[in-house]
Amino acid sequence: MAFVTSSSSETPTFAADEAAFDRLQDGRARIEAELKKVIVGQRDVVEQLLLALLAGGHCLITGAPGLAKTLLVKSVARVFQLKFQRIQFTPDLMPADITGTEILTETELGRQLTFVRGPVFANIILADEINRTPPKTQAALLEAMQEYQVTAAGVRHPLAEPFFVLATQNPIEMEGTYPLPEAQLDRFLFNVLIDYLPEADEVAVIKQTTSGAPEPIESVFSGADVIDFHRLVRQVPVADDVVRYAVRLGAASRPGREGAPDFINEWLSWGAGTRAPQSLILAAKARALWQGRAHVAFEDLRALAPPVLRHRLLLNYRAEAAGITVEQVITRLLETVKVKE
């Protein structure tokens, strides 16, 4: 099946799997309807989470307690018929509590070491309050996130695909927490912010959760469908000028580099690496497909720049002293870096 691309970008026609494309378009309304059974509002948050799923990326979810982060992740897992595991990160959690460990078992051949799989062996992992556990336990997820495997006693144990890590962190209470290292933050496609609901939505939540039991969520897709969507997303063509715009956004965020804006040199101690424009293009492809388009537009990149960049830019002491936020830096960056040069 061939789709006509945007006239504003000189890209080849998009020859893709017609069945997968049609399934995604037909299922979009059903997915939204199923999630609305339990999730009120938070439209941008839901869309970004679904885009990360379609693109095959991991997601960091930042928000105060009680904003339905866990409920949202569980609901998405049900819609896509994926195996879900929640891991509550605590100060005493050990790496083996996540990946699994070898135990001594009795067999016909005598005593042998047997690997018992940990909760990471699922399709969707909710790493709840990931910044509550020490770095050695946080790092236990790194191999799984990057290599889609777990190594124990020198033996490689592949993880079932699709595999997603959706980690939550509480931005309010910082005492007794261990901020994620930059290398691990960079593995997350998005950092999604969940804010408080407007009054009308909050009233709807209270009424819905204090009356009867919610309607059960029905599955719309399967894990095999998700893998098909991953392939479909990567087939979406991107014009060279769109790719260059993503690269310029990333490059302009790096302080001390030639051509970096003055406010970047003043406010940032570290900018986005190459994984940022990679993530931006991949997520933009997913957004284009989600909206029924067969081409990536500049607007896709601009809409997704905040969740892609906000965990990859490191403010310096001058910015913190002046009360500058990462969101303000990203807004200024989008105003400074022009779409076309």
Protein backbone atom coordinates (compact mmCIF):
# COMPACT_ATOMS: atom_id res chain seq x y z
CA MET A 1 0.00 0.00 0.00
CA ALA A 2 1.42 3.38 -0.99
CA PHE A 3 0.64 6.60 0.86
CA VAL A 4 1.15 10.10 -0.53
CA THR A 5 3.61 12.08 1.55
CA SER A 6 3.45 15.74 2.46
CA SER A 7 4.10 18.14 -0.40
CA SER A 8 6.31 20.26 1.89
CA SER A 9 8.92 17.52 2.22
CA GLU A 10 10.65 15.70 -0.60
CA THR A 11 10.29 12.15 0.71
CA PRO A 12 9.72 8.87 -1.09
CA THR A 13 6.32 7.23 -1.05
CA PHE A 14 5.54 5.16 2.02
CA ALA A 15 5.07 1.51 1.06
CA ALA A 16 4.05 -0.23 4.27
CA ASP A 17 2.16 -3.17 5.65
CA GLU A 18 -1.41 -2.28 4.75
CA ALA A 19 -2.89 -4.63 7.33
CA ALA A 20 -0.82 -3.23 10.21
CA PHE A 21 -1.58 0.36 9.20
CA ASP A 22 -5.31 -0.33 8.95
CA ARG A 23 -5.32 -2.18 12.30
CA LEU A 24 -3.69 0.79 13.99
CA GLN A 25 -6.14 3.30 12.50
CA ASP A 26 -9.17 1.14 13.27
CA GLY A 27 -7.96 0.49 16.82
CA ARG A 28 -7.14 4.05 17.82
CA ALA A 29 -10.70 5.00 18.75
CA ARG A 30 -11.17 1.67 20.56
CA ILE A 31 -7.98 2.19 22.60
CA GLU A 32 -9.07 5.67 23.64
CA ALA A 33 -12.55 4.39 24.53
CA GLU A 34 -11.17 1.57 26.69
CA LEU A 35 -8.77 3.86 28.55
CA LYS A 36 -11.54 6.39 29.19
CA LYS A 37 -13.32 3.76 31.26
CA VAL A 38 -10.80 4.34 34.05
CA ILE A 39 -8.70 7.39 33.05
CA VAL A 40 -10.26 10.85 33.05
CA GLY A 41 -8.48 13.68 31.22
CA GLN A 42 -4.66 13.60 30.91
CA ARG A 43 -4.99 13.45 27.12
CA ASP A 44 -1.38 14.48 26.40
CA VAL A 45 -0.03 12.04 28.97
CA VAL A 46 -2.02 9.13 27.52
CA GLU A 47 -0.95 9.99 23.98
CA GLN A 48 2.74 10.22 24.89
CA LEU A 49 2.60 6.90 26.71
CA LEU A 50 0.98 5.24 23.69
CA LEU A 51 3.52 6.82 21.33
CA ALA A 52 6.37 5.41 23.43
CA LEU A 53 4.72 2.00 23.19
CA LEU A 54 4.36 2.24 19.40
CA ALA A 55 7.94 3.44 19.00
CA GLY A 56 9.31 0.71 21.27
CA GLY A 57 10.79 3.12 23.80
CA HIS A 58 10.89 3.27 27.57
CA CYS A 59 9.14 6.01 29.49
CA LEU A 60 9.85 7.96 32.67
CA ILE A 61 6.69 9.27 34.34
CA THR A 62 7.08 12.18 36.74
CA GLY A 63 4.21 13.31 38.94
CA ALA A 64 2.90 13.69 42.47
CA PRO A 65 1.27 10.74 44.28
CA GLY A 66 -2.37 9.97 43.58
CA LEU A 67 -2.46 11.05 39.93
CA ALA A 68 -3.25 7.55 38.56
CA LYS A 69 0.22 6.78 37.21
CA THR A 70 0.01 3.10 38.20
CA LEU A 71 -3.58 2.79 37.03
CA LEU A 72 -2.69 4.24 33.64
CA VAL A 73 0.19 1.82 33.08
CA LYS A 74 -1.89 -1.20 34.15
CA SER A 75 -4.72 -0.09 31.87
CA VAL A 76 -2.39 0.24 28.87
CA ALA A 77 -1.05 -3.25 29.56
CA ARG A 78 -4.61 -4.63 29.52
CA VAL A 79 -5.52 -2.85 26.29
CA PHE A 80 -2.52 -4.40 24.54
CA GLN A 81 -2.87 -7.78 26.28
CA LEU A 82 0.66 -7.59 27.67
CA LYS A 83 2.08 -9.26 30.77
CA PHE A 84 2.41 -6.62 33.49
CA GLN A 85 4.68 -6.58 36.53
CA ARG A 86 4.99 -3.89 39.14
CA ILE A 87 8.24 -3.51 41.07
CA GLN A 88 8.10 -1.26 44.11
CA PHE A 89 11.55 0.30 44.42
CA THR A 90 12.66 0.67 48.03
CA PRO A 91 16.03 1.42 49.70
CA ASP A 92 16.56 -2.27 50.55
CA LEU A 93 15.71 -3.65 47.08
CA MET A 94 18.54 -5.72 45.62
CA PRO A 95 19.42 -6.29 41.92
CA ALA A 96 18.49 -9.98 42.21
CA ASP A 97 15.01 -8.93 43.36
CA ILE A 98 14.54 -7.50 39.86
CA THR A 99 16.47 -9.78 37.53
CA GLY A 100 16.19 -13.08 39.39
CA THR A 101 18.71 -15.33 41.08
CA GLU A 102 20.11 -18.84 41.09
CA ILE A 103 18.91 -21.23 43.75
CA LEU A 104 20.04 -24.72 44.69
CA THR A 105 17.43 -27.33 43.72
CA GLU A 106 17.20 -31.10 43.95
CA THR A 107 16.99 -32.89 40.59
CA GLU A 108 17.35 -36.46 39.36
CA LEU A 109 21.00 -35.68 38.70
CA GLY A 110 21.54 -34.30 42.17
CA ARG A 111 21.74 -30.75 43.42
CA GLN A 112 21.94 -28.11 40.70
CA LEU A 113 21.76 -24.37 40.46
CA THR A 114 18.57 -23.23 38.76
CA PHE A 115 17.88 -19.69 37.62
CA VAL A 116 14.59 -18.34 38.96
CA ARG A 117 13.35 -15.45 36.85
CA GLY A 118 12.61 -12.15 38.53
CA PRO A 119 9.74 -9.75 37.80
CA VAL A 120 11.69 -8.10 34.96
CA PHE A 121 10.61 -11.02 32.77
CA ALA A 122 7.38 -9.43 31.60
CA ASN A 123 6.25 -7.19 28.75
CA ILE A 124 5.53 -4.02 30.72
CA ILE A 125 7.52 -3.28 33.86
CA LEU A 126 6.27 -0.56 36.18
CA ALA A 127 9.35 0.56 38.11
CA ASP A 128 7.45 2.42 40.81
CA GLU A 129 9.41 5.23 42.50
CA ILE A 130 12.63 4.19 40.81
CA ASN A 131 14.56 6.98 42.55
CA ARG A 132 13.91 5.38 45.98
CA THR A 133 16.45 2.61 45.46
CA PRO A 134 20.30 2.79 45.46
CA PRO A 135 22.23 3.10 42.17
CA LYS A 136 23.33 -0.55 42.09
CA THR A 137 19.68 -1.63 41.98
CA GLN A 138 18.73 1.07 39.48
CA ALA A 139 21.55 -0.19 37.27
CA ALA A 140 20.06 -3.70 37.29
CA LEU A 141 17.54 -2.41 34.76
CA LEU A 142 20.14 -0.96 32.39
CA GLU A 143 21.02 -4.19 30.60
CA ALA A 144 17.34 -5.09 30.27
CA MET A 145 16.46 -1.65 28.88
CA GLN A 146 19.31 -1.53 26.36
CA GLU A 147 20.02 -5.15 25.43
CA TYR A 148 16.64 -6.76 26.19
CA GLN A 149 18.34 -9.48 28.18
CA VAL A 150 19.48 -10.40 31.68
CA THR A 151 22.87 -11.97 32.37
CA ALA A 152 23.19 -14.17 35.45
CA ALA A 153 26.26 -16.26 36.27
CA GLY A 154 27.53 -15.65 32.73
CA VAL A 155 24.37 -16.99 31.11
CA ARG A 156 22.26 -14.76 28.86
CA HIS A 157 18.51 -14.86 29.43
CA PRO A 158 16.59 -13.04 26.64
CA LEU A 159 13.51 -11.04 27.58
CA ALA A 160 10.22 -11.59 25.79
CA GLU A 161 9.29 -8.91 23.29
CA PRO A 162 7.74 -6.41 23.34
CA PHE A 163 9.46 -5.10 26.46
CA PHE A 164 8.90 -1.70 28.06
CA VAL A 165 10.10 -0.10 31.27
CA LEU A 166 7.74 2.57 32.57
CA ALA A 167 9.38 4.15 35.60
CA THR A 168 7.73 6.62 37.96
CA GLN A 169 9.36 9.13 40.24
CA ASN A 170 7.97 11.57 42.77
CA PRO A 171 9.34 15.10 42.16
CA ILE A 172 8.19 16.44 45.53
CA GLU A 173 9.84 14.42 48.27
CA MET A 174 13.57 14.31 47.53
CA GLU A 175 14.79 13.21 50.97
CA GLY A 176 16.07 9.66 50.92
CA THR A 177 16.09 9.41 47.12
CA TYR A 178 18.82 8.53 44.64
CA PRO A 179 18.50 10.57 41.41
CA LEU A 180 18.94 8.49 38.29
CA PRO A 181 22.34 8.85 36.58
CA GLU A 182 22.41 10.66 33.26
CA ALA A 183 23.36 7.48 31.37
CA GLN A 184 20.21 5.74 32.57
CA LEU A 185 17.97 8.77 32.04
CA ASP A 186 19.14 8.88 28.43
CA ARG A 187 17.71 5.38 27.88
CA PHE A 188 14.18 6.69 28.35
CA LEU A 189 12.49 7.85 25.17
CA PHE A 190 10.21 10.26 27.05
CA ASN A 191 9.97 11.96 30.40
CA VAL A 192 6.21 12.43 30.74
CA LEU A 193 4.88 14.94 33.27
CA ILE A 194 1.55 14.25 34.99
CA ASP A 195 -0.01 17.33 36.53
CA TYR A 196 -3.13 17.89 38.63
CA LEU A 197 -6.46 17.64 36.83
CA PRO A 198 -8.72 20.60 36.07
CA GLU A 199 -11.70 20.94 38.42
CA ALA A 200 -14.23 19.43 36.00
CA ASP A 201 -12.05 16.35 35.39
CA GLU A 202 -11.35 15.93 39.11
CA VAL A 203 -15.09 16.05 39.86
CA ALA A 204 -15.61 13.32 37.25
CA VAL A 205 -12.87 11.19 38.85
CA ILE A 206 -14.40 11.50 42.33
CA LYS A 207 -17.86 10.58 41.09
CA GLN A 208 -16.54 7.66 39.04
CA THR A 209 -14.36 6.17 41.77
CA THR A 210 -16.85 6.48 44.62
CA SER A 211 -19.87 4.93 42.94
CA GLY A 212 -19.67 1.48 41.39
CA ALA A 213 -16.92 -0.75 40.14
CA PRO A 214 -15.33 0.48 36.89
CA GLU A 215 -16.09 -1.29 33.63
CA PRO A 216 -13.55 -3.97 32.80
CA ILE A 217 -11.02 -3.00 30.14
CA GLU A 218 -11.09 -5.16 27.04
CA SER A 219 -8.02 -5.99 24.99
CA VAL A 220 -7.74 -4.31 21.61
CA PHE A 221 -4.34 -5.53 20.43
CA SER A 222 -1.85 -8.26 21.27
CA GLY A 223 1.88 -8.30 21.80
CA ALA A 224 2.34 -9.52 18.22
CA ASP A 225 0.43 -6.47 17.00
CA VAL A 226 2.73 -4.19 18.99
CA ILE A 227 5.80 -5.76 17.34
CA ASP A 228 4.16 -5.21 13.93
CA PHE A 229 3.60 -1.56 14.85
CA HIS A 230 7.28 -1.20 15.78
CA ARG A 231 8.24 -2.30 12.27
CA LEU A 232 5.61 -0.04 10.74
CA VAL A 233 6.85 3.02 12.64
CA ARG A 234 10.38 2.54 11.36
CA GLN A 235 9.14 2.42 7.75
CA VAL A 236 7.79 5.98 7.89
CA PRO A 237 9.98 8.19 5.66
CA VAL A 238 11.46 11.43 6.94
CA ALA A 239 12.65 14.32 4.81
CA ASP A 240 16.28 15.36 5.20
CA ASP A 241 15.35 18.86 6.33
CA VAL A 242 13.21 17.38 9.12
CA VAL A 243 16.12 15.20 10.29
CA ARG A 244 18.46 18.19 10.16
CA TYR A 245 16.02 20.18 12.30
CA ALA A 246 16.07 17.44 14.95
CA VAL A 247 19.87 17.38 14.85
CA ARG A 248 20.06 21.19 15.15
CA LEU A 249 17.77 21.12 18.18
CA GLY A 250 20.03 18.61 19.90
CA ALA A 251 23.24 20.41 18.92
CA ALA A 252 21.94 23.80 20.05
CA SER A 253 21.36 22.42 23.57
CA ARG A 254 25.05 21.64 24.13
CA PRO A 255 26.87 24.38 26.08
CA GLY A 256 30.36 25.32 25.05
CA ARG A 257 29.88 24.19 21.46
CA GLU A 258 30.27 26.50 18.49
CA GLY A 259 26.95 28.14 17.66
CA ALA A 260 25.32 27.36 21.02
CA PRO A 261 22.91 30.15 22.05
CA ASP A 262 24.01 32.42 24.89
CA PHE A 263 21.21 31.24 27.20
CA ILE A 264 22.34 27.63 26.75
CA ASN A 265 25.90 28.51 27.77
CA GLU A 266 24.54 30.46 30.72
CA TRP A 267 21.97 27.98 32.05
CA LEU A 268 23.09 24.46 31.13
CA SER A 269 26.03 22.39 32.28
CA TRP A 270 25.17 19.52 29.94
CA GLY A 271 23.05 19.17 26.82
CA ALA A 272 21.38 16.41 24.82
CA GLY A 273 23.45 13.71 23.14
CA THR A 274 22.86 11.96 19.82
CA ARG A 275 20.19 9.74 21.36
CA ALA A 276 17.96 12.83 21.69
CA PRO A 277 17.48 13.50 17.94
CA GLN A 278 17.24 9.75 17.39
CA SER A 279 14.42 9.58 19.92
CA LEU A 280 12.79 12.68 18.50
CA ILE A 281 12.63 11.28 14.97
CA LEU A 282 11.42 7.84 16.10
CA ALA A 283 8.71 9.33 18.31
CA ALA A 284 7.68 11.72 15.54
CA LYS A 285 7.21 8.75 13.20
CA ALA A 286 4.93 7.13 15.79
CA ARG A 287 2.95 10.37 16.18
CA ALA A 288 2.48 10.66 12.43
CA LEU A 289 1.10 7.12 12.21
CA TRP A 290 -1.09 7.63 15.30
CA GLN A 291 -2.67 10.60 13.55
CA GLY A 292 -3.14 8.67 10.30
CA ARG A 293 -0.33 10.35 8.36
CA ALA A 294 2.41 8.73 6.32
CA HIS A 295 4.93 11.51 6.74
CA VAL A 296 6.70 13.29 9.59
CA ALA A 297 6.04 17.02 9.92
CA PHE A 298 8.07 19.68 11.69
CA GLU A 299 5.17 20.09 14.10
CA ASP A 300 5.63 16.47 15.26
CA LEU A 301 9.16 17.32 16.38
CA ARG A 302 8.12 20.55 18.08
CA ALA A 303 5.24 18.84 19.91
CA LEU A 304 7.47 16.04 21.21
CA ALA A 305 10.57 18.09 22.02
CA PRO A 306 9.57 18.67 25.70
CA PRO A 307 9.15 14.97 26.69
CA VAL A 308 12.25 14.01 24.69
CA LEU A 309 14.53 16.75 26.04
CA ARG A 310 13.42 17.54 29.60
CA HIS A 311 15.38 14.65 31.17
CA ARG A 312 18.43 15.15 28.94
CA LEU A 313 19.23 18.78 29.81
CA LEU A 314 21.16 19.45 33.00
CA LEU A 315 20.69 22.89 34.57
CA ASN A 316 23.70 24.55 36.21
CA TYR A 317 23.79 26.45 39.49
CA ARG A 318 23.21 29.80 37.77
CA ALA A 319 19.93 28.61 36.28
CA GLU A 320 18.80 27.12 39.58
CA ALA A 321 19.69 30.31 41.46
CA ALA A 322 17.69 32.36 38.95
CA GLY A 323 14.69 30.02 39.17
CA ILE A 324 15.01 28.87 35.56
CA THR A 325 13.29 25.56 34.75
CA VAL A 326 14.03 22.98 32.08
CA GLU A 327 10.64 23.74 30.51
CA GLN A 328 11.65 27.38 30.04
CA VAL A 329 14.93 26.33 28.42
CA ILE A 330 13.12 24.02 25.98
CA THR A 331 10.60 26.74 25.10
CA ARG A 332 13.42 29.19 24.43
CA LEU A 333 15.29 26.56 22.40
CA LEU A 334 12.26 25.98 20.15
CA GLU A 335 11.95 29.73 19.65
CA THR A 336 15.64 30.07 18.80
CA VAL A 337 16.23 27.12 16.47
CA LYS A 338 14.40 27.88 13.26
CA VAL A 339 12.60 25.18 11.28
CA LYS A 340 14.50 26.01 8.11
CA GLU A 341 17.79 27.77 7.59
